């Protein structure tokens, strides 16, 4: 069972052409606010963590004048972080901060491993020409960070958030469901437990001469079996204690198409999912289905990995 005792929030201090800016971008501001809220609700400790990824030229300047340039950069960063600590303190949250030099995704993962954080919160990328919500830093965290990663999208805060838990019937999806149900006991949310099945096989069988009635009977049996499995998964949680319960949905279509479509249609605020395939390769790789799905969703995402996942990121 996933506990939430220690949270790291990634703080992006870059803004426009400034290496360290006191006015955070709106994506980082949203992540910080949600991290403070979560820490206060779950009585968790909070670490504000900023990693400054320097260009080769700037690194050269650091080497040339280590004391002056390095102190300028880190002192400015620590001053901003102190403001965030004061914000957290006003909400009764015990927090600390740290500044590192290096690629943010790598430095965040190393800090998670060192400090054994239970969750990472980061902002999504600003809207850009690619149309994709998740940039390289977030995708690397999804792939390689050993603890759950919550990528926060700036959005209007609904009265009651809509959350989709994407299940593949695996142990990790049961852990995800338990976590979300427990979270809903702290803050109301409407939960949808969703599984998608690819119906392309039916079309291929029809092309081979299998009659429509047989296909429909077979599909009904499969859909009923899957719904029963989902209900069995749900029965392992305390969902009956929730204000809005949990709705179970079996979608027809490939997961990377059907689930994003469901999310868009139902104005879902958060997708919770595993990022490794059930037959997952060790260490590094995100599941292909998860990767394609993440390219299409337009909401906040909370990703989990199996309990035995080991990050390939190690100190140099």
C-alpha atoms as a PDB file:
ATOM      1  CA  UNK A   1       0.000   0.000   0.000  1.00  0.00           C
ATOM      2  CA  UNK A   2       1.363   3.387  -1.021  1.00  0.00           C
ATOM      3  CA  UNK A   3       1.783   5.769   1.916  1.00  0.00           C
ATOM      4  CA  UNK A   4       2.294   9.511   1.661  1.00  0.00           C
ATOM      5  CA  UNK A   5       4.673  10.706   4.356  1.00  0.00           C
ATOM      6  CA  UNK A   6       7.196  12.649   2.285  1.00  0.00           C
ATOM      7  CA  UNK A   7       6.582  14.695  -0.885  1.00  0.00           C
ATOM      8  CA  UNK A   8       9.081  16.332  -3.230  1.00  0.00           C
ATOM      9  CA  UNK A   9       7.862  19.170  -5.448  1.00  0.00           C
ATOM     10  CA  UNK A  10      10.027  20.129  -8.383  1.00  0.00           C
ATOM     11  CA  UNK A  11      10.464  23.897  -8.601  1.00  0.00           C
ATOM     12  CA  UNK A  12      11.343  25.318 -12.023  1.00  0.00           C
ATOM     13  CA  UNK A  13      13.189  28.567 -11.303  1.00  0.00           C
ATOM     14  CA  UNK A  14      13.843  29.470 -14.938  1.00  0.00           C
ATOM     15  CA  UNK A  15      11.613  32.106 -16.483  1.00  0.00           C
ATOM     16  CA  UNK A  16      12.022  33.763 -19.879  1.00  0.00           C
ATOM     17  CA  UNK A  17      15.784  34.426 -20.199  1.00  0.00           C
ATOM     18  CA  UNK A  18      16.486  34.324 -16.464  1.00  0.00           C
ATOM     19  CA  UNK A  19      18.354  31.428 -14.879  1.00  0.00           C
ATOM     20  CA  UNK A  20      16.717  32.070 -11.510  1.00  0.00           C
ATOM     21  CA  UNK A  21      13.460  34.025 -11.318  1.00  0.00           C
ATOM     22  CA  UNK A  22      11.494  35.000  -8.228  1.00  0.00           C
ATOM     23  CA  UNK A  23       8.218  34.939 -10.192  1.00  0.00           C
ATOM     24  CA  UNK A  24       7.535  31.277 -10.897  1.00  0.00           C
ATOM     25  CA  UNK A  25       5.740  30.232 -14.066  1.00  0.00           C
ATOM     26  CA  UNK A  26       2.078  29.262 -13.640  1.00  0.00           C
ATOM     27  CA  UNK A  27       2.748  25.525 -14.083  1.00  0.00           C
ATOM     28  CA  UNK A  28       5.257  25.490 -11.219  1.00  0.00           C
ATOM     29  CA  UNK A  29       3.019  27.718  -9.088  1.00  0.00           C
ATOM     30  CA  UNK A  30       0.162  25.235  -9.552  1.00  0.00           C
ATOM     31  CA  UNK A  31       2.404  22.293  -8.623  1.00  0.00           C
ATOM     32  CA  UNK A  32       3.637  24.099  -5.503  1.00  0.00           C
ATOM     33  CA  UNK A  33       0.090  24.961  -4.388  1.00  0.00           C
ATOM     34  CA  UNK A  34      -1.123  21.398  -4.860  1.00  0.00           C
ATOM     35  CA  UNK A  35       1.932  19.998  -3.073  1.00  0.00           C
ATOM     36  CA  UNK A  36       1.315  22.245  -0.071  1.00  0.00           C
ATOM     37  CA  UNK A  37      -2.363  21.252  -0.091  1.00  0.00           C
ATOM     38  CA  UNK A  38      -1.536  17.517  -0.291  1.00  0.00           C
ATOM     39  CA  UNK A  39       1.100  17.774   2.439  1.00  0.00           C
ATOM     40  CA  UNK A  40      -1.382  19.536   4.735  1.00  0.00           C
ATOM     41  CA  UNK A  41      -4.150  16.993   4.073  1.00  0.00           C
ATOM     42  CA  UNK A  42      -1.929  13.914   4.451  1.00  0.00           C
ATOM     43  CA  UNK A  43       0.292  15.367   7.218  1.00  0.00           C
ATOM     44  CA  UNK A  44       3.322  14.760   5.013  1.00  0.00           C
ATOM     45  CA  UNK A  45       6.694  16.465   5.032  1.00  0.00           C
ATOM     46  CA  UNK A  46       7.427  18.564   1.957  1.00  0.00           C
ATOM     47  CA  UNK A  47      10.691  19.273   0.148  1.00  0.00           C
ATOM     48  CA  UNK A  48      10.972  22.072  -2.403  1.00  0.00           C
ATOM     49  CA  UNK A  49      13.627  20.976  -4.880  1.00  0.00           C
ATOM     50  CA  UNK A  50      15.149  23.051  -7.663  1.00  0.00           C
ATOM     51  CA  UNK A  51      17.665  21.737 -10.173  1.00  0.00           C
ATOM     52  CA  UNK A  52      19.330  24.319 -12.402  1.00  0.00           C
ATOM     53  CA  UNK A  53      20.444  22.875 -15.717  1.00  0.00           C
ATOM     54  CA  UNK A  54      23.325  25.040 -16.867  1.00  0.00           C
ATOM     55  CA  UNK A  55      24.581  25.463 -20.408  1.00  0.00           C
ATOM     56  CA  UNK A  56      28.157  24.540 -21.280  1.00  0.00           C
ATOM     57  CA  UNK A  57      29.024  28.248 -21.378  1.00  0.00           C
ATOM     58  CA  UNK A  58      27.591  28.867 -17.915  1.00  0.00           C
ATOM     59  CA  UNK A  59      29.348  25.803 -16.533  1.00  0.00           C
ATOM     60  CA  UNK A  60      32.581  27.222 -17.924  1.00  0.00           C
ATOM     61  CA  UNK A  61      31.915  30.503 -16.102  1.00  0.00           C
ATOM     62  CA  UNK A  62      31.339  28.560 -12.895  1.00  0.00           C
ATOM     63  CA  UNK A  63      34.670  26.888 -13.313  1.00  0.00           C
ATOM     64  CA  UNK A  64      36.370  30.217 -14.037  1.00  0.00           C
ATOM     65  CA  UNK A  65      34.843  32.029 -11.074  1.00  0.00           C
ATOM     66  CA  UNK A  66      33.390  29.365  -8.794  1.00  0.00           C
ATOM     67  CA  UNK A  67      32.877  31.554  -5.765  1.00  0.00           C
ATOM     68  CA  UNK A  68      31.221  34.580  -7.378  1.00  0.00           C
ATOM     69  CA  UNK A  69      29.022  33.034 -10.075  1.00  0.00           C
ATOM     70  CA  UNK A  70      28.086  29.908  -8.150  1.00  0.00           C
ATOM     71  CA  UNK A  71      27.120  31.876  -5.051  1.00  0.00           C
ATOM     72  CA  UNK A  72      25.085  34.308  -7.130  1.00  0.00           C
ATOM     73  CA  UNK A  73      23.057  31.512  -8.736  1.00  0.00           C
ATOM     74  CA  UNK A  74      22.542  29.373  -5.639  1.00  0.00           C
ATOM     75  CA  UNK A  75      21.929  32.318  -3.299  1.00  0.00           C
ATOM     76  CA  UNK A  76      19.179  33.644  -5.553  1.00  0.00           C
ATOM     77  CA  UNK A  77      17.671  30.166  -5.769  1.00  0.00           C
ATOM     78  CA  UNK A  78      17.709  29.667  -2.005  1.00  0.00           C
ATOM     79  CA  UNK A  79      16.049  33.071  -1.518  1.00  0.00           C
ATOM     80  CA  UNK A  80      13.137  32.005  -3.744  1.00  0.00           C
ATOM     81  CA  UNK A  81      12.885  28.649  -1.976  1.00  0.00           C
ATOM     82  CA  UNK A  82      12.714  30.391   1.400  1.00  0.00           C
ATOM     83  CA  UNK A  83       9.610  32.228   0.219  1.00  0.00           C
ATOM     84  CA  UNK A  84       8.015  28.853  -0.616  1.00  0.00           C
ATOM     85  CA  UNK A  85       8.941  27.487   2.815  1.00  0.00           C
ATOM     86  CA  UNK A  86       7.137  30.454   4.389  1.00  0.00           C
ATOM     87  CA  UNK A  87       4.075  29.764   2.227  1.00  0.00           C
ATOM     88  CA  UNK A  88       4.025  26.167   3.422  1.00  0.00           C
ATOM     89  CA  UNK A  89       4.488  27.236   7.031  1.00  0.00           C
ATOM     90  CA  UNK A  90       1.392  29.434   6.794  1.00  0.00           C
ATOM     91  CA  UNK A  91      -0.574  26.273   5.934  1.00  0.00           C
ATOM     92  CA  UNK A  92       0.964  24.345   8.831  1.00  0.00           C
ATOM     93  CA  UNK A  93       3.239  22.281   6.591  1.00  0.00           C
ATOM     94  CA  UNK A  94       6.743  21.288   7.692  1.00  0.00           C
ATOM     95  CA  UNK A  95       9.014  21.860   4.684  1.00  0.00           C
ATOM     96  CA  UNK A  96      12.621  22.157   3.584  1.00  0.00           C
ATOM     97  CA  UNK A  97      14.407  23.070   0.367  1.00  0.00           C
ATOM     98  CA  UNK A  98      17.393  22.069  -1.688  1.00  0.00           C
ATOM     99  CA  UNK A  99      19.094  23.418  -4.804  1.00  0.00           C
ATOM    100  CA  UNK A 100      21.149  21.266  -7.184  1.00  0.00           C
ATOM    101  CA  UNK A 101      22.977  21.818 -10.457  1.00  0.00           C
ATOM    102  CA  UNK A 102      22.186  19.415 -13.292  1.00  0.00           C
ATOM    103  CA  UNK A 103      19.354  18.074 -15.468  1.00  0.00           C
ATOM    104  CA  UNK A 104      16.157  18.428 -13.371  1.00  0.00           C
ATOM    105  CA  UNK A 105      14.766  14.946 -14.076  1.00  0.00           C
ATOM    106  CA  UNK A 106      18.026  13.250 -13.060  1.00  0.00           C
ATOM    107  CA  UNK A 107      18.596  15.385  -9.972  1.00  0.00           C
ATOM    108  CA  UNK A 108      14.984  14.849  -8.828  1.00  0.00           C
ATOM    109  CA  UNK A 109      15.322  11.065  -9.138  1.00  0.00           C
ATOM    110  CA  UNK A 110      18.618  11.065  -7.239  1.00  0.00           C
ATOM    111  CA  UNK A 111      17.008  13.132  -4.467  1.00  0.00           C
ATOM    112  CA  UNK A 112      14.017  10.750  -4.316  1.00  0.00           C
ATOM    113  CA  UNK A 113      16.402   7.802  -3.912  1.00  0.00           C
ATOM    114  CA  UNK A 114      18.493   9.587  -1.261  1.00  0.00           C
ATOM    115  CA  UNK A 115      15.584  10.872   0.809  1.00  0.00           C
ATOM    116  CA  UNK A 116      13.103   8.048   0.090  1.00  0.00           C
ATOM    117  CA  UNK A 117      10.281  10.377  -0.935  1.00  0.00           C
ATOM    118  CA  UNK A 118       6.841   8.839  -1.475  1.00  0.00           C
ATOM    119  CA  UNK A 119       5.722  11.116  -4.318  1.00  0.00           C
ATOM    120  CA  UNK A 120       6.999  13.746  -6.744  1.00  0.00           C
ATOM    121  CA  UNK A 121       4.876  16.679  -7.932  1.00  0.00           C
ATOM    122  CA  UNK A 122       5.916  18.692 -10.974  1.00  0.00           C
ATOM    123  CA  UNK A 123       4.236  21.155 -13.301  1.00  0.00           C
ATOM    124  CA  UNK A 124       3.539  20.255 -16.904  1.00  0.00           C
ATOM    125  CA  UNK A 125       5.230  22.150 -19.718  1.00  0.00           C
ATOM    126  CA  UNK A 126       3.883  25.530 -20.833  1.00  0.00           C
ATOM    127  CA  UNK A 127       1.647  25.243 -23.901  1.00  0.00           C
ATOM    128  CA  UNK A 128       3.957  25.087 -26.896  1.00  0.00           C
ATOM    129  CA  UNK A 129       3.972  24.358 -30.588  1.00  0.00           C
ATOM    130  CA  UNK A 130       4.253  20.579 -30.092  1.00  0.00           C
ATOM    131  CA  UNK A 131       0.763  20.317 -28.609  1.00  0.00           C
ATOM    132  CA  UNK A 132       2.045  17.776 -26.087  1.00  0.00           C
ATOM    133  CA  UNK A 133       1.361  18.340 -22.415  1.00  0.00           C
ATOM    134  CA  UNK A 134       4.397  16.477 -21.068  1.00  0.00           C
ATOM    135  CA  UNK A 135       7.924  17.564 -21.923  1.00  0.00           C
ATOM    136  CA  UNK A 136      11.199  15.704 -21.598  1.00  0.00           C
ATOM    137  CA  UNK A 137      11.638  16.267 -17.857  1.00  0.00           C
ATOM    138  CA  UNK A 138       8.194  14.876 -16.998  1.00  0.00           C
ATOM    139  CA  UNK A 139       8.476  11.939 -19.398  1.00  0.00           C
ATOM    140  CA  UNK A 140      11.856  10.964 -17.944  1.00  0.00           C
ATOM    141  CA  UNK A 141      10.325  11.062 -14.467  1.00  0.00           C
ATOM    142  CA  UNK A 142       7.420   8.910 -15.671  1.00  0.00           C
ATOM    143  CA  UNK A 143       9.922   6.423 -17.076  1.00  0.00           C
ATOM    144  CA  UNK A 144      12.621   6.297 -14.430  1.00  0.00           C
ATOM    145  CA  UNK A 145      11.489   7.745 -11.083  1.00  0.00           C
ATOM    146  CA  UNK A 146      10.931   4.954  -8.538  1.00  0.00           C
ATOM    147  CA  UNK A 147       8.067   6.669  -6.663  1.00  0.00           C
ATOM    148  CA  UNK A 148       4.703   7.910  -8.022  1.00  0.00           C
ATOM    149  CA  UNK A 149       4.931  11.046 -10.160  1.00  0.00           C
ATOM    150  CA  UNK A 150       2.095  13.580 -10.232  1.00  0.00           C
ATOM    151  CA  UNK A 151       2.351  15.889 -13.267  1.00  0.00           C
ATOM    152  CA  UNK A 152       0.036  18.812 -12.616  1.00  0.00           C
ATOM    153  CA  UNK A 153      -1.827  20.595 -15.402  1.00  0.00           C
ATOM    154  CA  UNK A 154      -3.012  24.158 -14.818  1.00  0.00           C
ATOM    155  CA  UNK A 155      -6.799  23.976 -14.938  1.00  0.00           C
ATOM    156  CA  UNK A 156      -9.924  25.328 -13.338  1.00  0.00           C
ATOM    157  CA  UNK A 157     -10.442  23.627  -9.987  1.00  0.00           C
ATOM    158  CA  UNK A 158     -13.778  21.765 -10.088  1.00  0.00           C
ATOM    159  CA  UNK A 159     -16.059  21.444  -7.069  1.00  0.00           C
ATOM    160  CA  UNK A 160     -15.573  17.666  -7.229  1.00  0.00           C
ATOM    161  CA  UNK A 161     -12.624  16.383  -9.315  1.00  0.00           C
ATOM    162  CA  UNK A 162     -13.206  13.532 -11.774  1.00  0.00           C
ATOM    163  CA  UNK A 163     -10.479  10.883 -11.580  1.00  0.00           C
ATOM    164  CA  UNK A 164      -9.871   7.938 -13.909  1.00  0.00           C
ATOM    165  CA  UNK A 165      -7.973   4.900 -12.639  1.00  0.00           C
ATOM    166  CA  UNK A 166      -6.805   2.920 -15.672  1.00  0.00           C
ATOM    167  CA  UNK A 167      -6.657  -0.752 -14.721  1.00  0.00           C
ATOM    168  CA  UNK A 168      -4.960  -3.628 -16.522  1.00  0.00           C
ATOM    169  CA  UNK A 169      -5.950  -5.999 -13.671  1.00  0.00           C
ATOM    170  CA  UNK A 170      -2.340  -6.095 -12.475  1.00  0.00           C
ATOM    171  CA  UNK A 171      -1.104  -5.797  -8.897  1.00  0.00           C
ATOM    172  CA  UNK A 172       0.123  -2.269  -9.515  1.00  0.00           C
ATOM    173  CA  UNK A 173      -3.300  -1.159 -10.760  1.00  0.00           C
ATOM    174  CA  UNK A 174      -4.808  -2.560  -7.549  1.00  0.00           C
ATOM    175  CA  UNK A 175      -2.284  -0.471  -5.582  1.00  0.00           C
ATOM    176  CA  UNK A 176      -3.249   2.600  -7.628  1.00  0.00           C
ATOM    177  CA  UNK A 177      -6.939   2.037  -6.990  1.00  0.00           C
ATOM    178  CA  UNK A 178      -6.343   1.630  -3.258  1.00  0.00           C
ATOM    179  CA  UNK A 179      -4.300   4.826  -3.169  1.00  0.00           C
ATOM    180  CA  UNK A 180      -6.937   6.861  -5.018  1.00  0.00           C
ATOM    181  CA  UNK A 181      -9.765   5.464  -2.880  1.00  0.00           C
ATOM    182  CA  UNK A 182      -7.825   6.363   0.275  1.00  0.00           C
ATOM    183  CA  UNK A 183      -7.196   9.844  -1.117  1.00  0.00           C
ATOM    184  CA  UNK A 184     -10.930  10.235  -1.787  1.00  0.00           C
ATOM    185  CA  UNK A 185     -11.556   9.656   1.919  1.00  0.00           C
ATOM    186  CA  UNK A 186      -9.496  12.779   2.609  1.00  0.00           C
ATOM    187  CA  UNK A 187     -10.842  14.908  -0.267  1.00  0.00           C
ATOM    188  CA  UNK A 188     -14.027  14.078  -2.182  1.00  0.00           C
ATOM    189  CA  UNK A 189     -13.602  13.007  -5.801  1.00  0.00           C
ATOM    190  CA  UNK A 190     -15.574  11.049  -8.358  1.00  0.00           C
ATOM    191  CA  UNK A 191     -13.625   7.943  -9.319  1.00  0.00           C
ATOM    192  CA  UNK A 192     -13.983   5.992 -12.567  1.00  0.00           C
ATOM    193  CA  UNK A 193     -12.343   2.552 -12.715  1.00  0.00           C
ATOM    194  CA  UNK A 194     -11.671   1.985 -16.407  1.00  0.00           C
ATOM    195  CA  UNK A 195     -10.419  -0.871 -18.554  1.00  0.00           C
ATOM    196  CA  UNK A 196     -10.304  -0.876 -22.356  1.00  0.00           C
ATOM    197  CA  UNK A 197     -10.329  -3.922 -24.639  1.00  0.00           C
ATOM    198  CA  UNK A 198      -9.234  -3.846 -28.250  1.00  0.00           C
ATOM    199  CA  UNK A 199     -12.091  -4.866 -30.561  1.00  0.00           C
ATOM    200  CA  UNK A 200      -9.932  -5.190 -33.678  1.00  0.00           C
ATOM    201  CA  UNK A 201      -9.832  -8.958 -33.201  1.00  0.00           C
ATOM    202  CA  UNK A 202     -13.615  -9.123 -33.626  1.00  0.00           C
ATOM    203  CA  UNK A 203     -13.308  -7.331 -36.946  1.00  0.00           C
ATOM    204  CA  UNK A 204     -10.586  -9.712 -38.114  1.00  0.00           C
ATOM    205  CA  UNK A 205     -12.645 -12.744 -37.118  1.00  0.00           C
ATOM    206  CA  UNK A 206     -15.633 -11.348 -38.993  1.00  0.00           C
ATOM    207  CA  UNK A 207     -13.405 -11.075 -42.040  1.00  0.00           C
ATOM    208  CA  UNK A 208     -12.633 -14.782 -41.652  1.00  0.00           C
ATOM    209  CA  UNK A 209     -16.319 -15.664 -41.799  1.00  0.00           C
ATOM    210  CA  UNK A 210     -17.328 -15.824 -38.118  1.00  0.00           C
ATOM    211  CA  UNK A 211     -20.987 -14.769 -38.029  1.00  0.00           C
ATOM    212  CA  UNK A 212     -22.206 -11.610 -36.293  1.00  0.00           C
ATOM    213  CA  UNK A 213     -24.325 -13.415 -33.674  1.00  0.00           C
ATOM    214  CA  UNK A 214     -21.378 -15.509 -32.485  1.00  0.00           C
ATOM    215  CA  UNK A 215     -19.193 -12.421 -32.281  1.00  0.00           C
ATOM    216  CA  UNK A 216     -21.793 -10.535 -30.236  1.00  0.00           C
ATOM    217  CA  UNK A 217     -22.270 -13.444 -27.812  1.00  0.00           C
ATOM    218  CA  UNK A 218     -18.505 -13.821 -27.397  1.00  0.00           C
ATOM    219  CA  UNK A 219     -18.043 -10.075 -26.846  1.00  0.00           C
ATOM    220  CA  UNK A 220     -20.755 -10.025 -24.182  1.00  0.00           C
ATOM    221  CA  UNK A 221     -19.111 -12.903 -22.319  1.00  0.00           C
ATOM    222  CA  UNK A 222     -15.723 -11.177 -22.402  1.00  0.00           C
ATOM    223  CA  UNK A 223     -17.159  -7.816 -21.310  1.00  0.00           C
ATOM    224  CA  UNK A 224     -19.017  -9.470 -18.410  1.00  0.00           C
ATOM    225  CA  UNK A 225     -15.857 -11.314 -17.316  1.00  0.00           C
ATOM    226  CA  UNK A 226     -13.811  -8.109 -17.367  1.00  0.00           C
ATOM    227  CA  UNK A 227     -16.453  -6.177 -15.455  1.00  0.00           C
ATOM    228  CA  UNK A 228     -16.499  -8.949 -12.828  1.00  0.00           C
ATOM    229  CA  UNK A 229     -12.696  -8.741 -12.547  1.00  0.00           C
ATOM    230  CA  UNK A 230     -12.876  -4.979 -12.085  1.00  0.00           C
ATOM    231  CA  UNK A 231     -15.548  -5.358  -9.408  1.00  0.00           C
ATOM    232  CA  UNK A 232     -13.374  -7.940  -7.639  1.00  0.00           C
ATOM    233  CA  UNK A 233     -10.488  -5.470  -7.748  1.00  0.00           C
ATOM    234  CA  UNK A 234     -12.764  -2.771  -6.380  1.00  0.00           C
ATOM    235  CA  UNK A 235     -13.977  -5.061  -3.573  1.00  0.00           C
ATOM    236  CA  UNK A 236     -10.415  -5.054  -2.158  1.00  0.00           C
ATOM    237  CA  UNK A 237     -10.780  -1.341  -1.338  1.00  0.00           C
ATOM    238  CA  UNK A 238     -12.876   0.761   1.050  1.00  0.00           C
ATOM    239  CA  UNK A 239     -14.846   2.318  -1.828  1.00  0.00           C
ATOM    240  CA  UNK A 240     -18.161   1.898  -0.016  1.00  0.00           C
ATOM    241  CA  UNK A 241     -17.126   4.586   2.443  1.00  0.00           C
ATOM    242  CA  UNK A 242     -16.789   7.219  -0.292  1.00  0.00           C
ATOM    243  CA  UNK A 243     -19.323   9.971  -0.874  1.00  0.00           C
ATOM    244  CA  UNK A 244     -19.533   9.270  -4.608  1.00  0.00           C
ATOM    245  CA  UNK A 245     -18.494   5.610  -4.685  1.00  0.00           C
ATOM    246  CA  UNK A 246     -16.644   4.302  -7.751  1.00  0.00           C
ATOM    247  CA  UNK A 247     -18.084   3.816 -11.237  1.00  0.00           C
ATOM    248  CA  UNK A 248     -16.819   0.858 -13.294  1.00  0.00           C
ATOM    249  CA  UNK A 249     -16.437   1.192 -17.083  1.00  0.00           C
ATOM    250  CA  UNK A 250     -15.349  -1.321 -19.712  1.00  0.00           C
ATOM    251  CA  UNK A 251     -14.459   0.554 -22.891  1.00  0.00           C
ATOM    252  CA  UNK A 252     -14.269  -0.966 -26.356  1.00  0.00           C
ATOM    253  CA  UNK A 253     -11.189   0.026 -28.337  1.00  0.00           C
ATOM    254  CA  UNK A 254      -7.448   0.192 -27.862  1.00  0.00           C
ATOM    255  CA  UNK A 255      -6.518   1.743 -24.484  1.00  0.00           C
ATOM    256  CA  UNK A 256      -4.426   4.524 -26.031  1.00  0.00           C
ATOM    257  CA  UNK A 257      -7.495   5.680 -27.994  1.00  0.00           C
ATOM    258  CA  UNK A 258     -10.490   4.725 -25.832  1.00  0.00           C
ATOM    259  CA  UNK A 259      -9.200   6.049 -22.491  1.00  0.00           C
ATOM    260  CA  UNK A 260      -8.138   9.531 -23.743  1.00  0.00           C
ATOM    261  CA  UNK A 261     -11.521   9.775 -25.504  1.00  0.00           C
ATOM    262  CA  UNK A 262     -13.318   8.886 -22.245  1.00  0.00           C
ATOM    263  CA  UNK A 263     -11.228  11.479 -20.400  1.00  0.00           C
ATOM    264  CA  UNK A 264     -12.108  14.205 -22.906  1.00  0.00           C
ATOM    265  CA  UNK A 265     -15.810  13.318 -22.996  1.00  0.00           C
ATOM    266  CA  UNK A 266     -16.165  13.260 -19.202  1.00  0.00           C
ATOM    267  CA  UNK A 267     -13.920  16.285 -18.523  1.00  0.00           C
ATOM    268  CA  UNK A 268     -11.670  14.207 -16.298  1.00  0.00           C
ATOM    269  CA  UNK A 269      -9.172  16.136 -14.156  1.00  0.00           C
ATOM    270  CA  UNK A 270      -6.712  13.357 -13.299  1.00  0.00           C
ATOM    271  CA  UNK A 271      -5.606  10.074 -14.850  1.00  0.00           C
ATOM    272  CA  UNK A 272      -3.949   7.570 -12.490  1.00  0.00           C
ATOM    273  CA  UNK A 273      -2.133   4.749 -14.236  1.00  0.00           C
ATOM    274  CA  UNK A 274       0.831   2.396 -14.230  1.00  0.00           C
ATOM    275  CA  UNK A 275       3.666   3.165 -16.630  1.00  0.00           C
ATOM    276  CA  UNK A 276       5.195  -0.276 -17.095  1.00  0.00           C
ATOM    277  CA  UNK A 277       3.671  -3.002 -19.194  1.00  0.00           C
ATOM    278  CA  UNK A 278       2.601  -6.067 -17.203  1.00  0.00           C
ATOM    279  CA  UNK A 279       5.374  -8.031 -18.856  1.00  0.00           C
ATOM    280  CA  UNK A 280       7.513  -4.919 -18.316  1.00  0.00           C
ATOM    281  CA  UNK A 281      11.180  -4.767 -19.076  1.00  0.00           C
ATOM    282  CA  UNK A 282      13.262  -4.067 -16.007  1.00  0.00           C
ATOM    283  CA  UNK A 283      14.486  -0.652 -15.052  1.00  0.00           C
ATOM    284  CA  UNK A 284      14.046   1.865 -17.820  1.00  0.00           C
ATOM    285  CA  UNK A 285      11.251   1.317 -20.285  1.00  0.00           C
ATOM    286  CA  UNK A 286       7.764   2.750 -20.156  1.00  0.00           C
ATOM    287  CA  UNK A 287       5.076   0.485 -21.600  1.00  0.00           C
ATOM    288  CA  UNK A 288       4.243   1.271 -25.236  1.00  0.00           C
ATOM    289  CA  UNK A 289       0.528   1.564 -24.506  1.00  0.00           C
ATOM    290  CA  UNK A 290       1.180   3.968 -21.621  1.00  0.00           C
ATOM    291  CA  UNK A 291       3.551   6.043 -23.757  1.00  0.00           C
ATOM    292  CA  UNK A 292       1.009   6.425 -26.558  1.00  0.00           C
ATOM    293  CA  UNK A 293      -1.767   7.208 -24.096  1.00  0.00           C
ATOM    294  CA  UNK A 294       0.257   9.945 -22.413  1.00  0.00           C
ATOM    295  CA  UNK A 295       0.759  11.638 -25.784  1.00  0.00           C
ATOM    296  CA  UNK A 296      -3.017  12.046 -26.125  1.00  0.00           C
ATOM    297  CA  UNK A 297      -4.343  12.961 -22.678  1.00  0.00           C
ATOM    298  CA  UNK A 298      -4.940  16.579 -21.706  1.00  0.00           C
ATOM    299  CA  UNK A 299      -5.281  16.368 -17.929  1.00  0.00           C
ATOM    300  CA  UNK A 300      -3.067  15.946 -14.888  1.00  0.00           C
ATOM    301  CA  UNK A 301      -1.486  12.487 -14.632  1.00  0.00           C
ATOM    302  CA  UNK A 302      -0.409  10.414 -11.638  1.00  0.00           C
ATOM    303  CA  UNK A 303       1.838   7.484 -12.551  1.00  0.00           C
ATOM    304  CA  UNK A 304       2.879   4.457 -10.501  1.00  0.00           C
ATOM    305  CA  UNK A 305       5.385   1.654 -10.936  1.00  0.00           C
ATOM    306  CA  UNK A 306       5.488  -1.857  -9.474  1.00  0.00           C
ATOM    307  CA  UNK A 307       6.860  -2.207  -5.947  1.00  0.00           C
ATOM    308  CA  UNK A 308       9.953  -4.031  -7.227  1.00  0.00           C
ATOM    309  CA  UNK A 309      10.861  -1.357  -9.778  1.00  0.00           C
ATOM    310  CA  UNK A 310      14.496  -0.214  -9.542  1.00  0.00           C
ATOM    311  CA  UNK A 311      15.464   3.049 -11.181  1.00  0.00           C
ATOM    312  CA  UNK A 312      18.447   2.887 -13.544  1.00  0.00           C
ATOM    313  CA  UNK A 313      19.541   6.333 -12.356  1.00  0.00           C
ATOM    314  CA  UNK A 314      22.573   6.078 -10.079  1.00  0.00           C
ATOM    315  CA  UNK A 315      25.039   8.662  -8.765  1.00  0.00           C
ATOM    316  CA  UNK A 316      28.045   9.202 -11.008  1.00  0.00           C
END
